[in-house]
Amino acid sequence: MRQRKVSSAKKGGVARALRDAWREYQGRLPWRADVLAGLTVGVVAVPLAMALAIASGVPPQYGLYTAAIAGFLTALTGGARVSVSGPTAAFVVILHPIAVQYGLGGLVLASLLAGTMLLAMGIGRLGQLIQFIPYPITTGFTSGIAVVIASLQIKDFFGLVINQQSDHFFERIQALAHALGTVAWDDCAIGALTLTILIAWRWIPTRVPGHLVALGVAAVVAWGAAHSYTDFHIATIASRFNYVIGDQLFSGIPPLPPKFVWPWDLPGPGGAALNLSWDLLRELLGPALAIALLGAIESLLCAVVADGMAGTKHDPDSELIGQGIGNITASFFAGFAATGAIARTATNIRAGARTPIAAMTHACVVLASILILTPVLNELPMAALAALLLMVAWNMAEVKHFMFIVRVAPREDVLVLVTCFGLTVIFDMVIAIGVGMVLASMLFIKRMADVSNVSLADADHPALGNIVMPKNVRIYEVAGPLFFGAAEKALATMADIDASTKAVILSLDAVSVMDVTGLVALESILKNLNKHGIRVALAGVQPQPLELLHRAAPELDARVELYASITDAVTAFNGVSQLK
C-alpha cells in the first residue's frame, strides 16, 4: 500500500489541493478511482440539488446549475482535496426569504456578493478564524435551520393548498394549520412511502444510497398509479415548473446546459425586472454576508470532516478562495449559493476518492443529467422530494448532540445553544449568529475573569527555599490573563494594603497575556503603591507582558523594578524592613 505524505509546502494560493495531489502522486493521479467515485456522488447529488433548489424558492434546474458550475470550480481551485461542493440544506433558511422577496435575480446577485466576500476572506487569510466559533453556536443554529427546513416541506409532503407561504415561522405554521383541510391523500401516500423507505434503508447493510432507491420507487409507483387510476393525481416537477424556449412553454426542467447571464438581468420578485440599483445592493449586503459566513463555516467544517475520514490536510484559506471563485462564477450561469456538502463528501470518500478529480467528475455527471435525464427527472413527485428533505432536516438537527449539550454542558453554554436555536427559528440565522457570538464572548470574558486572581503568598512560599522573607515585604501572586475583562477584578484584591508594608513583589509568572486594559490597571496599582512610598517589583514576567511593559516604559508614570524570579526580588529587598 502506498505511503501518503501531507505536503508541507507554503500555504495559500489557488488550486492548492490539486497541486498538492499532483506532487504527492508525482503526476500520476489515481484518475480511475476518482472518476468512479465522481460518478457515484454525481448520481447522489442530482436529486439533492433539485430538492434544495425547490426548498430555496427557485426551479430545480438552478440547483443543478449550481452543483455543476460551483462544484467543478471549487474542486479545481480550492484547498480541500476530497470535498464536494454544491447547494446545501443549511442555506435554505437564508435563501428562501431572499428568493421570495427579491426573486431569482436577487438570489443570484446575493450569491455573487457572498462569493466576493468569500474570496476576500480567503485572500485575507481569515480561514483560521472560523474555528473560533463556539460549538453551542453552530449546533444551535444548525438545529434551528433543520426545524425551518422541515416546516417548509410540510406543504408539498401533504399536498396542501396554500396561496402564499410566509417567511416567518409562526405565520407559516399557522397557515399550514389552516390548510389541513386541503390534504391531498395521493401526495401524502407517496410522501409517506418515500419517507418509510428512507428510514428503513438506514438499517440495510448496503452502499446504495437510500434516497435514490426511495425516489425511484416513489416515481415508479406514482407513474403506475396515475396510469392505472384516473382519479390519482400528484404534483411532480413537470406539473409544478415550466420554462420558455422561443414562444413555446414547456413543462419541467429545460434539457439545456446553463448559459451565461448577468445576474441582474434575471427576473426579480413576481417575474418582474430586478432593477439593479445601489439601494438593492445595500439591501442584499446583509443576506450576502450571512451566506458568506455560513458558506465559510460549512465548507471548512466539511473539510475538517473529510480530513478525518481520508487522512488528508486542507488549507482553509485556499478553500475559501475556491469557494469564492465557485460562487462568483456560478452566479453568472444562474447558479446560487454553494458550499461544502458533508454528506456528499462522505459518499465521495467512501467511493474511493483521493483527489479533486472526483468532485470535478461529480459536477460533470450533474451537467450530463441536465442534458440526458430530464424526462426522468421531470416525473419525480414533489411529495417524494419533500420527504427527502424532511430526512435531511432530521439528520441535520443532530438531536443527540443537542440533548448532550443540554444535559452535560455548563448553564452558560446551554443558554448560548438555546438562544441561537430560538433566534434561528423565530428570526433568522444572521441574528442568531450575531447574538450568539456576543453572548458567547461575554460569557468567555466572565470565565476568564473568574480564573484571573491575585493571592497573598506566605513566608513559606516554595520559591523562597531557605531565604527568609523580610517582615515588611509582601508577595502577591497574579494568576490568569490580565485583559480587559479580568484585570480590574483581579487587581482589586490589592486595593487595600497593610500600612506596615514597605515593599511589594508582584509575581507574574502565571500571567501569559496582558492587554492595554491590564497594563492601565497595573499602572494604577503601581502608582498607588508609589504614592504611599512602597517599593514595587515585578518578578517572573512572561514574554508578552514584558514586551508590552518595555513599549510602555517611556509613558509609564510609575516606578517599578523587574526581576527574573521571586527569589531574585526577595534577595534584592533584603534590609527593606529597616526602611524608614
Protein backbone atom coordinates (compact mmCIF):
# COMPACT_ATOMS: atom_id res chain seq x y z
CA MET A 1 0.00 0.00 0.00
CA ARG A 2 1.37 3.38 -0.96
CA GLN A 3 2.50 5.62 1.90
CA ARG A 4 0.81 9.01 1.67
CA LYS A 5 2.52 12.20 2.77
CA VAL A 6 0.91 15.51 3.52
CA SER A 7 2.70 18.31 1.75
CA SER A 8 4.46 20.85 3.91
CA ALA A 9 4.70 23.49 1.21
CA LYS A 10 3.81 27.09 1.90
CA LYS A 11 0.11 27.58 2.46
CA GLY A 12 -2.16 29.68 0.30
CA GLY A 13 -2.88 30.13 -3.38
CA VAL A 14 -5.38 28.85 -5.91
CA ALA A 15 -5.83 25.12 -6.63
CA ARG A 16 -3.84 24.22 -3.54
CA ALA A 17 -5.48 20.80 -3.15
CA LEU A 18 -4.95 19.83 -6.78
CA ARG A 19 -1.30 20.95 -6.73
CA ASP A 20 -0.64 19.01 -3.52
CA ALA A 21 -2.25 15.89 -5.01
CA TRP A 22 -0.17 16.28 -8.18
CA ARG A 23 3.04 16.48 -6.13
CA GLU A 24 2.06 13.61 -3.84
CA TYR A 25 1.24 11.25 -6.68
CA GLN A 26 4.15 12.57 -8.81
CA GLY A 27 1.89 13.48 -11.72
CA ARG A 28 0.20 10.05 -11.86
CA LEU A 29 -3.15 10.89 -10.31
CA PRO A 30 -5.47 7.95 -9.46
CA TRP A 31 -7.98 9.15 -12.02
CA ARG A 32 -9.77 5.80 -12.44
CA ALA A 33 -10.72 5.59 -8.77
CA ASP A 34 -11.60 9.28 -8.72
CA VAL A 35 -13.79 9.07 -11.82
CA LEU A 36 -15.70 6.12 -10.37
CA ALA A 37 -16.17 7.99 -7.09
CA GLY A 38 -17.29 11.07 -9.00
CA LEU A 39 -19.87 9.04 -10.93
CA THR A 40 -21.26 7.72 -7.66
CA VAL A 41 -21.52 11.04 -5.87
CA GLY A 42 -22.82 12.72 -9.02
CA VAL A 43 -25.80 10.38 -9.14
CA VAL A 44 -26.40 11.09 -5.46
CA ALA A 45 -26.14 14.86 -5.96
CA VAL A 46 -28.70 15.25 -8.77
CA PRO A 47 -31.94 14.79 -6.77
CA LEU A 48 -30.49 16.63 -3.76
CA ALA A 49 -29.56 19.64 -5.88
CA MET A 50 -33.08 19.81 -7.32
CA ALA A 51 -34.78 19.36 -3.95
CA LEU A 52 -32.63 22.07 -2.35
CA ALA A 53 -33.32 24.49 -5.20
CA ILE A 54 -37.06 23.97 -4.75
CA ALA A 55 -36.72 24.41 -0.97
CA SER A 56 -34.80 27.65 -1.61
CA GLY A 57 -37.69 29.01 -3.66
CA VAL A 58 -36.43 28.59 -7.25
CA PRO A 59 -36.99 25.99 -10.02
CA PRO A 60 -34.94 22.77 -9.74
CA GLN A 61 -32.66 23.36 -12.72
CA TYR A 62 -30.88 26.17 -10.88
CA GLY A 63 -29.77 23.73 -8.22
CA LEU A 64 -28.28 21.56 -10.95
CA TYR A 65 -26.51 24.58 -12.46
CA THR A 66 -25.07 25.40 -9.04
CA ALA A 67 -23.81 21.86 -8.42
CA ALA A 68 -22.26 21.65 -11.89
CA ILE A 69 -20.53 25.05 -12.10
CA ALA A 70 -19.65 25.77 -8.45
CA GLY A 71 -18.92 22.09 -7.75
CA PHE A 72 -16.38 21.88 -10.59
CA LEU A 73 -14.58 25.19 -9.99
CA THR A 74 -14.40 24.87 -6.20
CA ALA A 75 -12.79 21.44 -6.55
CA LEU A 76 -10.41 22.80 -9.19
CA THR A 77 -9.33 25.93 -7.31
CA GLY A 78 -9.96 25.09 -3.61
CA GLY A 79 -7.85 23.78 -0.77
CA ALA A 80 -9.78 20.66 0.33
CA ARG A 81 -8.76 17.57 -1.61
CA VAL A 82 -11.89 15.41 -1.49
CA SER A 83 -14.65 17.85 -0.52
CA VAL A 84 -17.72 18.09 -2.75
CA SER A 85 -19.47 21.46 -3.07
CA GLY A 86 -22.97 22.37 -4.16
CA PRO A 87 -26.31 23.51 -2.73
CA THR A 88 -26.76 22.52 0.90
CA ALA A 89 -29.69 22.36 3.31
CA ALA A 90 -28.06 24.87 5.67
CA PHE A 91 -28.53 27.64 3.10
CA VAL A 92 -32.29 27.15 2.75
CA VAL A 93 -33.16 29.25 5.79
CA ILE A 94 -31.28 32.21 4.25
CA LEU A 95 -32.02 31.70 0.56
CA HIS A 96 -35.78 31.13 0.71
CA PRO A 97 -36.61 34.60 2.12
CA ILE A 98 -34.30 36.22 -0.44
CA ALA A 99 -35.98 34.36 -3.31
CA VAL A 100 -39.45 35.33 -2.06
CA GLN A 101 -38.59 39.00 -1.62
CA TYR A 102 -36.17 39.58 -4.49
CA GLY A 103 -36.84 36.74 -6.93
CA LEU A 104 -34.29 34.61 -8.75
CA GLY A 105 -32.27 37.66 -9.79
CA GLY A 106 -31.94 38.89 -6.22
CA LEU A 107 -30.95 35.42 -5.01
CA VAL A 108 -28.23 35.06 -7.64
CA LEU A 109 -27.00 38.61 -7.05
CA ALA A 110 -26.75 37.96 -3.30
CA SER A 111 -24.77 34.80 -4.09
CA LEU A 112 -22.41 36.84 -6.27
CA LEU A 113 -21.82 39.29 -3.41
CA ALA A 114 -21.30 36.37 -1.00
CA GLY A 115 -18.79 34.78 -3.35
CA THR A 116 -16.86 38.04 -3.49
CA MET A 117 -16.79 38.14 0.32
CA LEU A 118 -15.57 34.53 0.49
CA LEU A 119 -12.81 35.32 -1.98
CA ALA A 120 -11.77 38.34 0.10
CA MET A 121 -11.82 36.23 3.29
CA GLY A 122 -9.52 33.68 1.68
CA ILE A 123 -7.11 36.28 0.31
CA GLY A 124 -7.12 37.97 3.72
CA ARG A 125 -6.23 34.62 5.36
CA LEU A 126 -9.27 34.55 7.62
CA GLY A 127 -9.80 30.81 7.26
CA GLN A 128 -8.29 30.02 10.65
CA LEU A 129 -10.69 32.40 12.43
CA ILE A 130 -13.75 30.29 11.62
CA GLN A 131 -12.59 27.66 14.12
CA PHE A 132 -13.17 30.12 16.96
CA ILE A 133 -16.96 29.95 16.61
CA PRO A 134 -18.12 28.02 19.72
CA TYR A 135 -19.73 24.61 19.31
CA PRO A 136 -23.03 25.59 21.04
CA ILE A 137 -23.50 28.33 18.43
CA THR A 138 -23.00 26.04 15.42
CA THR A 139 -25.17 23.31 16.97
CA GLY A 140 -27.87 25.82 17.91
CA PHE A 141 -28.27 27.45 14.52
CA THR A 142 -27.85 24.13 12.69
CA SER A 143 -30.69 22.59 14.69
CA GLY A 144 -32.75 25.72 14.14
CA ILE A 145 -32.16 25.54 10.40
CA ALA A 146 -33.35 21.91 10.45
CA VAL A 147 -36.65 22.95 12.06
CA VAL A 148 -37.16 25.68 9.45
CA ILE A 149 -36.39 23.29 6.58
CA ALA A 150 -38.85 20.74 7.94
CA SER A 151 -41.58 23.37 8.22
CA LEU A 152 -41.06 24.33 4.57
CA GLN A 153 -41.59 20.72 3.40
CA ILE A 154 -44.94 20.08 5.08
CA LYS A 155 -46.87 21.80 2.29
CA ASP A 156 -45.57 19.54 -0.50
CA PHE A 157 -45.44 16.41 1.66
CA PHE A 158 -49.18 16.63 2.36
CA GLY A 159 -50.10 18.36 -0.89
CA LEU A 160 -51.63 21.30 0.98
CA VAL A 161 -53.13 24.24 -0.88
CA ILE A 162 -51.57 27.46 0.43
CA ASN A 163 -51.70 30.58 -1.70
CA GLN A 164 -48.64 32.20 -0.15
CA GLN A 165 -46.31 30.65 2.40
CA SER A 166 -44.93 33.17 4.90
CA ASP A 167 -41.23 33.63 5.63
CA HIS A 168 -41.97 33.91 9.35
CA PHE A 169 -42.01 30.61 11.20
CA PHE A 170 -45.09 31.07 13.36
CA GLU A 171 -47.12 32.58 10.49
CA ARG A 172 -46.07 29.64 8.33
CA ILE A 173 -47.20 27.14 10.97
CA GLN A 174 -50.48 28.99 11.32
CA ALA A 175 -51.05 28.89 7.55
CA LEU A 176 -50.25 25.17 7.47
CA ALA A 177 -52.73 24.54 10.29
CA HIS A 178 -55.47 26.41 8.44
CA ALA A 179 -54.77 24.40 5.26
CA LEU A 180 -55.03 20.96 6.89
CA GLY A 181 -58.45 20.51 5.32
CA THR A 182 -56.84 20.54 1.85
CA VAL A 183 -54.66 17.46 2.38
CA ALA A 184 -54.11 15.62 -0.91
CA TRP A 185 -54.05 11.97 0.11
CA ASP A 186 -52.37 10.87 -3.11
CA ASP A 187 -49.37 13.15 -2.45
CA CYS A 188 -49.41 12.19 1.21
CA ALA A 189 -49.26 8.49 0.33
CA ILE A 190 -46.28 8.97 -1.99
CA GLY A 191 -44.52 11.12 0.61
CA ALA A 192 -45.14 8.53 3.34
CA LEU A 193 -43.87 5.73 1.07
CA THR A 194 -40.68 7.68 0.33
CA LEU A 195 -40.09 8.54 3.98
CA THR A 196 -40.66 4.93 5.06
CA ILE A 197 -38.07 3.66 2.57
CA LEU A 198 -35.59 6.34 3.64
CA ILE A 199 -35.94 5.37 7.29
CA ALA A 200 -35.87 1.62 6.67
CA TRP A 201 -32.88 1.86 4.32
CA ARG A 202 -30.70 3.09 7.17
CA TRP A 203 -30.82 -0.42 8.64
CA ILE A 204 -29.98 -2.24 5.41
CA PRO A 205 -26.24 -3.05 5.02
CA THR A 206 -25.63 -1.71 1.51
CA ARG A 207 -23.69 1.12 -0.10
CA VAL A 208 -26.54 2.00 -2.45
CA PRO A 209 -27.78 5.49 -1.42
CA GLY A 210 -31.20 5.19 0.17
CA HIS A 211 -32.61 8.34 -1.38
CA LEU A 212 -32.00 7.02 -4.90
CA VAL A 213 -33.98 3.89 -4.09
CA ALA A 214 -36.72 5.83 -2.30
CA LEU A 215 -37.15 8.41 -5.07
CA GLY A 216 -37.01 5.74 -7.76
CA VAL A 217 -39.67 3.59 -6.10
CA ALA A 218 -41.85 6.64 -5.42
CA ALA A 219 -41.61 7.81 -9.04
CA VAL A 220 -42.45 4.34 -10.41
CA VAL A 221 -45.37 3.86 -8.03
CA ALA A 222 -46.73 7.32 -8.77
CA TRP A 223 -46.40 6.80 -12.53
CA GLY A 224 -48.08 3.42 -12.35
CA ALA A 225 -50.93 4.69 -10.17
CA ALA A 226 -51.52 7.70 -12.42
CA HIS A 227 -51.82 5.41 -15.47
CA SER A 228 -53.98 2.86 -13.64
CA TYR A 229 -56.41 5.13 -11.81
CA THR A 230 -57.95 8.16 -13.46
CA ASP A 231 -58.62 9.86 -10.14
CA PHE A 232 -54.99 9.57 -8.93
CA HIS A 233 -53.21 12.93 -9.22
CA ILE A 234 -49.97 14.09 -7.66
CA ALA A 235 -47.72 17.09 -8.14
CA THR A 236 -44.47 16.39 -9.99
CA ILE A 237 -41.62 18.53 -11.21
CA ALA A 238 -43.23 18.58 -14.65
CA SER A 239 -46.60 19.76 -13.30
CA ARG A 240 -45.12 22.35 -10.93
CA PHE A 241 -42.43 24.01 -13.07
CA ASN A 242 -42.15 25.16 -16.67
CA TYR A 243 -39.79 27.04 -18.96
CA VAL A 244 -39.96 29.00 -22.20
CA ILE A 245 -37.94 28.45 -25.38
CA GLY A 246 -38.76 30.99 -28.02
CA ASP A 247 -42.51 31.48 -27.82
CA GLN A 248 -43.28 27.98 -26.58
CA LEU A 249 -43.98 26.94 -22.99
CA PHE A 250 -42.64 23.57 -21.83
CA SER A 251 -43.12 21.65 -18.59
CA GLY A 252 -40.39 20.56 -16.20
CA ILE A 253 -36.65 21.16 -16.48
CA PRO A 254 -35.10 22.50 -19.71
CA PRO A 255 -32.73 19.90 -21.25
CA LEU A 256 -30.17 22.62 -21.93
CA PRO A 257 -26.79 23.44 -20.35
CA PRO A 258 -26.54 26.59 -18.24
CA LYS A 259 -25.86 29.69 -20.30
CA PHE A 260 -24.06 32.87 -19.38
CA VAL A 261 -26.30 35.58 -17.97
CA TRP A 262 -25.82 38.76 -15.99
CA PRO A 263 -27.36 38.16 -12.54
CA TRP A 264 -29.18 41.50 -12.61
CA ASP A 265 -30.88 40.52 -15.88
CA LEU A 266 -32.63 37.58 -14.21
CA PRO A 267 -36.26 38.08 -13.09
CA GLY A 268 -36.96 39.76 -9.77
CA PRO A 269 -39.96 39.29 -7.47
CA GLY A 270 -43.07 38.06 -9.30
CA GLY A 271 -41.12 37.69 -12.55
CA ALA A 272 -40.69 41.45 -12.96
CA ALA A 273 -37.38 43.09 -13.81
CA LEU A 274 -34.90 43.21 -10.94
CA ASN A 275 -33.96 46.89 -11.41
CA LEU A 276 -30.35 46.90 -10.26
CA SER A 277 -29.58 49.87 -8.01
CA TRP A 278 -27.39 50.92 -5.09
CA ASP A 279 -30.40 50.58 -2.81
CA LEU A 280 -30.87 46.97 -3.91
CA LEU A 281 -27.18 46.18 -3.37
CA ARG A 282 -27.35 47.78 0.07
CA GLU A 283 -30.39 45.66 0.96
CA LEU A 284 -28.67 42.47 -0.21
CA LEU A 285 -25.41 43.08 1.65
CA GLY A 286 -26.77 41.71 4.94
CA PRO A 287 -28.12 38.47 3.42
CA ALA A 288 -24.95 38.13 1.34
CA LEU A 289 -22.82 38.40 4.47
CA ALA A 290 -24.93 35.68 6.10
CA ILE A 291 -24.43 33.45 3.05
CA ALA A 292 -20.68 34.10 3.11
CA LEU A 293 -20.34 33.36 6.83
CA LEU A 294 -22.41 30.19 6.64
CA GLY A 295 -20.61 29.14 3.47
CA ALA A 296 -17.24 29.59 5.18
CA ILE A 297 -18.33 27.68 8.28
CA GLU A 298 -19.91 24.82 6.31
CA SER A 299 -17.07 24.46 3.80
CA LEU A 300 -14.33 24.40 6.45
CA LEU A 301 -16.33 22.08 8.69
CA CYS A 302 -16.79 19.80 5.69
CA ALA A 303 -13.05 19.95 5.00
CA VAL A 304 -12.26 19.01 8.61
CA VAL A 305 -14.62 16.02 8.41
CA ALA A 306 -13.03 15.00 5.11
CA ASP A 307 -9.54 15.22 6.61
CA GLY A 308 -10.59 12.89 9.40
CA MET A 309 -12.08 10.36 7.00
CA ALA A 310 -9.46 10.44 4.24
CA GLY A 311 -6.28 11.30 6.16
CA THR A 312 -5.72 14.49 4.17
CA LYS A 313 -5.00 18.05 5.30
CA HIS A 314 -6.84 21.03 3.87
CA ASP A 315 -5.73 24.65 3.54
CA PRO A 316 -8.58 26.79 4.94
CA ASP A 317 -7.58 29.99 3.15
CA SER A 318 -7.26 28.28 -0.24
CA GLU A 319 -10.59 26.56 0.36
CA LEU A 320 -12.29 29.92 0.94
CA ILE A 321 -10.68 31.24 -2.25
CA GLY A 322 -12.03 28.23 -4.14
CA GLN A 323 -15.50 28.69 -2.64
CA GLY A 324 -15.41 32.34 -3.65
CA ILE A 325 -14.39 31.55 -7.24
CA GLY A 326 -17.05 28.84 -7.49
CA ASN A 327 -19.85 31.04 -6.17
CA ILE A 328 -18.87 34.05 -8.25
CA THR A 329 -18.68 32.06 -11.48
CA ALA A 330 -21.88 30.08 -10.80
CA SER A 331 -23.82 33.32 -10.36
CA PHE A 332 -23.06 34.22 -13.99
CA PHE A 333 -24.75 30.97 -15.03
CA ALA A 334 -27.86 31.49 -12.85
CA GLY A 335 -26.44 29.40 -10.01
CA PHE A 336 -26.94 30.35 -6.38
CA ALA A 337 -25.00 29.83 -3.14
CA ALA A 338 -22.87 26.69 -2.81
CA THR A 339 -20.57 25.33 -0.14
CA GLY A 340 -19.01 22.08 1.02
CA ALA A 341 -21.63 19.33 1.44
CA ILE A 342 -20.71 16.92 4.23
CA ALA A 343 -23.00 14.04 3.17
CA ARG A 344 -21.85 14.15 -0.47
CA THR A 345 -18.23 14.47 0.64
CA ALA A 346 -18.58 11.40 2.86
CA THR A 347 -20.11 9.49 -0.07
CA ASN A 348 -17.22 10.66 -2.24
CA ILE A 349 -14.60 9.36 0.21
CA ARG A 350 -16.36 6.03 0.76
CA ALA A 351 -16.50 5.57 -3.01
CA GLY A 352 -12.70 5.81 -3.20
CA ALA A 353 -11.99 9.50 -3.95
CA ARG A 354 -8.41 10.63 -3.45
CA THR A 355 -8.05 13.91 -5.37
CA PRO A 356 -10.21 16.85 -6.58
CA ILE A 357 -10.77 14.98 -9.85
CA ALA A 358 -13.59 13.06 -8.12
CA ALA A 359 -15.54 16.21 -7.25
CA MET A 360 -14.90 17.62 -10.72
CA THR A 361 -16.27 14.39 -12.21
CA HIS A 362 -19.34 14.68 -9.98
CA ALA A 363 -20.00 18.12 -11.46
CA CYS A 364 -19.75 16.71 -14.98
CA VAL A 365 -22.27 13.98 -14.06
CA VAL A 366 -24.70 16.64 -12.83
CA LEU A 367 -24.26 18.58 -16.06
CA ALA A 368 -24.82 15.42 -18.12
CA SER A 369 -28.04 14.69 -16.21
CA ILE A 370 -29.41 18.04 -17.35
CA LEU A 371 -28.82 17.10 -20.99
CA ILE A 372 -29.84 13.44 -20.83
CA LEU A 373 -32.09 12.65 -17.86
CA THR A 374 -34.62 15.49 -17.82
CA PRO A 375 -37.53 13.28 -18.98
CA VAL A 376 -36.91 11.03 -15.96
CA LEU A 377 -36.26 13.88 -13.53
CA ASN A 378 -39.48 15.60 -14.55
CA GLU A 379 -41.50 12.64 -13.22
CA LEU A 380 -40.19 12.92 -9.67
CA PRO A 381 -43.08 13.60 -7.26
CA MET A 382 -42.88 16.78 -5.21
CA ALA A 383 -44.02 14.85 -2.12
CA ALA A 384 -41.09 12.46 -2.53
CA LEU A 385 -38.62 15.35 -2.71
CA ALA A 386 -40.26 16.86 0.37
CA ALA A 387 -39.82 13.54 2.20
CA LEU A 388 -36.15 13.52 1.20
CA LEU A 389 -35.64 16.99 2.69
CA LEU A 390 -37.52 16.00 5.85
CA MET A 391 -34.95 13.24 6.28
CA VAL A 392 -32.13 15.70 5.57
CA ALA A 393 -33.57 18.04 8.21
CA TRP A 394 -33.74 15.23 10.76
CA ASN A 395 -30.11 14.27 10.13
CA MET A 396 -29.09 17.92 10.26
CA ALA A 397 -30.86 18.54 13.57
CA GLU A 398 -28.33 16.40 15.47
CA VAL A 399 -30.83 15.77 18.25
CA LYS A 400 -28.36 13.61 20.22
CA HIS A 401 -25.70 16.32 20.19
CA PHE A 402 -28.26 18.97 21.09
CA MET A 403 -29.55 16.98 24.07
CA PHE A 404 -25.99 16.07 25.10
CA ILE A 405 -25.14 19.76 25.45
CA VAL A 406 -28.35 20.39 27.38
CA ARG A 407 -27.56 17.53 29.78
CA VAL A 408 -23.86 17.99 30.48
CA ALA A 409 -22.75 21.48 29.44
CA PRO A 410 -22.46 24.43 31.85
CA ARG A 411 -25.54 26.59 32.06
CA GLU A 412 -23.83 29.36 30.06
CA ASP A 413 -23.29 27.03 27.08
CA VAL A 414 -26.88 25.80 27.27
CA LEU A 415 -28.03 29.44 27.23
CA VAL A 416 -26.00 30.09 24.07
CA LEU A 417 -27.34 26.91 22.45
CA VAL A 418 -31.00 27.63 23.18
CA THR A 419 -30.65 31.29 22.23
CA CYS A 420 -29.11 30.51 18.82
CA PHE A 421 -31.70 27.79 18.19
CA GLY A 422 -34.64 30.04 19.08
CA LEU A 423 -33.39 33.07 17.16
CA THR A 424 -32.73 30.97 14.04
CA VAL A 425 -36.26 29.59 14.08
CA ILE A 426 -38.07 32.79 15.03
CA PHE A 427 -35.98 35.34 13.14
CA ASP A 428 -33.02 34.26 11.00
CA MET A 429 -29.51 32.88 11.16
CA VAL A 430 -27.82 36.29 10.87
CA ILE A 431 -29.37 37.47 14.12
CA ALA A 432 -28.75 34.07 15.73
CA ILE A 433 -25.02 34.05 14.96
CA GLY A 434 -24.59 37.73 15.86
CA VAL A 435 -26.35 37.46 19.21
CA GLY A 436 -24.78 34.06 19.87
CA MET A 437 -21.24 35.35 19.29
CA VAL A 438 -21.81 38.39 21.51
CA LEU A 439 -23.33 36.24 24.24
CA ALA A 440 -20.58 33.60 23.99
CA SER A 441 -17.90 36.32 24.07
CA MET A 442 -19.39 37.90 27.17
CA LEU A 443 -19.56 34.53 28.90
CA PHE A 444 -15.96 33.81 27.88
CA ILE A 445 -14.86 37.11 29.37
CA LYS A 446 -16.68 36.26 32.60
CA ARG A 447 -14.99 32.86 32.77
CA MET A 448 -11.58 34.39 32.20
CA ALA A 449 -12.31 36.97 34.87
CA ASP A 450 -13.24 34.16 37.25
CA VAL A 451 -9.93 32.34 36.74
CA SER A 452 -7.83 35.53 36.98
CA ASN A 453 -6.97 36.38 40.59
CA VAL A 454 -4.38 37.78 42.97
CA SER A 455 -3.43 35.95 46.15
CA LEU A 456 -1.13 36.88 49.03
CA ALA A 457 1.75 34.44 49.45
CA ASP A 458 3.01 33.49 52.89
CA ALA A 459 6.55 33.23 54.21
CA ASP A 460 6.69 29.52 53.36
CA HIS A 461 6.37 30.11 49.62
CA PRO A 462 8.23 27.22 47.88
CA ALA A 463 10.09 29.61 45.55
CA LEU A 464 11.91 31.17 48.53
CA GLY A 465 13.71 28.00 49.56
CA ASN A 466 15.95 28.82 52.53
CA ILE A 467 15.64 32.57 52.02
CA VAL A 468 13.79 34.34 54.81
CA MET A 469 11.25 36.87 53.57
CA PRO A 470 11.61 40.29 55.25
CA LYS A 471 8.80 41.14 57.64
CA ASN A 472 7.57 44.24 55.82
CA VAL A 473 7.63 42.73 52.31
CA ARG A 474 4.51 41.27 50.75
CA ILE A 475 4.43 38.85 47.81
CA TYR A 476 1.30 38.78 45.65
CA GLU A 477 0.85 36.05 43.03
CA VAL A 478 -1.13 37.10 39.96
CA ALA A 479 -2.69 34.20 38.04
CA GLY A 480 -4.55 34.16 34.74
CA PRO A 481 -4.66 36.58 31.79
CA LEU A 482 -4.78 40.30 32.57
CA PHE A 483 -7.08 41.52 29.81
CA PHE A 484 -9.99 43.94 29.69
CA GLY A 485 -12.47 41.55 31.25
CA ALA A 486 -10.33 40.34 34.12
CA ALA A 487 -7.70 42.94 35.05
CA GLU A 488 -9.79 45.22 37.25
CA LYS A 489 -11.38 42.31 39.13
CA ALA A 490 -8.09 40.50 39.70
CA LEU A 491 -6.04 43.52 40.79
CA ALA A 492 -8.82 44.89 43.01
CA THR A 493 -7.53 42.48 45.67
CA MET A 494 -4.54 44.80 46.11
CA ALA A 495 -6.58 47.93 46.69
CA ASP A 496 -6.05 47.77 50.45
CA ILE A 497 -2.51 47.02 51.65
CA ASP A 498 -1.41 46.95 55.25
CA ALA A 499 0.13 50.23 56.41
CA SER A 500 3.23 48.45 57.71
CA THR A 501 4.12 47.19 54.22
CA LYS A 502 7.33 48.74 52.85
CA ALA A 503 7.71 46.73 49.65
CA VAL A 504 5.54 44.63 47.35
CA ILE A 505 6.62 41.91 44.96
CA LEU A 506 4.15 41.00 42.21
CA SER A 507 4.77 37.51 40.81
CA LEU A 508 3.60 37.48 37.17
CA ASP A 509 4.99 34.11 36.10
CA ALA A 510 1.39 32.78 35.77
CA VAL A 511 0.30 35.71 33.55
CA SER A 512 0.84 34.72 29.93
CA VAL A 513 -1.18 37.54 28.32
CA MET A 514 -1.78 41.18 29.21
CA ASP A 515 -3.58 43.76 27.10
CA VAL A 516 -3.61 47.55 27.40
CA THR A 517 -6.51 47.44 29.88
CA GLY A 518 -4.45 45.15 32.10
CA LEU A 519 -1.49 47.49 31.67
CA VAL A 520 -3.55 50.52 32.73
CA ALA A 521 -4.97 48.63 35.74
CA LEU A 522 -1.48 47.50 36.74
CA GLU A 523 -0.11 51.05 36.36
CA SER A 524 -2.92 52.34 38.60
CA ILE A 525 -1.92 49.86 41.32
CA LEU A 526 1.77 50.75 40.94
CA LYS A 527 1.10 54.49 41.17
CA ASN A 528 -0.99 53.95 44.29
CA LEU A 529 1.82 51.96 45.93
CA ASN A 530 4.41 54.55 44.91
CA LYS A 531 2.21 57.27 46.37
CA HIS A 532 2.41 55.57 49.75
CA GLY A 533 6.16 55.19 49.50
CA ILE A 534 6.06 51.45 48.87
CA ARG A 535 8.81 49.92 46.77
CA VAL A 536 7.46 47.68 43.96
CA ALA A 537 8.98 44.82 41.96
CA LEU A 538 7.62 42.62 39.20
CA ALA A 539 9.01 39.07 39.17
CA GLY A 540 8.93 36.35 36.54
CA VAL A 541 7.28 38.47 33.84
CA GLN A 542 6.33 36.39 30.77
CA PRO A 543 7.49 37.45 27.24
CA GLN A 544 4.27 39.07 26.02
CA PRO A 545 3.61 41.17 29.16
CA LEU A 546 7.33 42.03 29.33
CA GLU A 547 7.32 43.31 25.75
CA LEU A 548 4.23 45.42 26.50
CA LEU A 549 5.89 46.87 29.60
CA HIS A 550 9.04 47.76 27.65
CA ARG A 551 6.99 49.52 24.95
CA ALA A 552 5.03 51.42 27.60
CA ALA A 553 8.10 52.33 29.70
CA PRO A 554 8.52 55.91 28.35
CA GLU A 555 4.92 56.76 29.30
CA LEU A 556 4.66 54.58 32.40
CA ASP A 557 4.04 57.02 35.24
CA ALA A 558 5.13 54.62 37.99
CA ARG A 559 8.41 53.33 39.43
CA VAL A 560 8.86 49.58 39.25
CA GLU A 561 11.76 47.11 39.34
CA LEU A 562 11.92 43.97 37.22
CA TYR A 563 13.41 40.67 38.42
CA ALA A 564 13.62 37.25 36.80
CA SER A 565 12.13 35.47 39.82
CA ILE A 566 10.67 35.90 43.28
CA THR A 567 13.97 34.72 44.76
CA ASP A 568 15.91 37.47 42.97
CA ALA A 569 13.40 40.10 44.09
CA VAL A 570 13.46 39.00 47.76
CA THR A 571 17.25 38.87 47.71
CA ALA A 572 17.36 42.42 46.36
CA PHE A 573 14.87 43.53 49.02
CA ASN A 574 16.88 42.24 51.98
CA GLY A 575 17.03 45.05 54.54
CA VAL A 576 13.78 46.57 53.32
CA SER A 577 12.36 46.11 56.81
CA GLN A 578 14.85 48.74 58.03
CA LEU A 579 13.46 51.35 55.61
CA LYS A 580 12.03 54.47 57.25
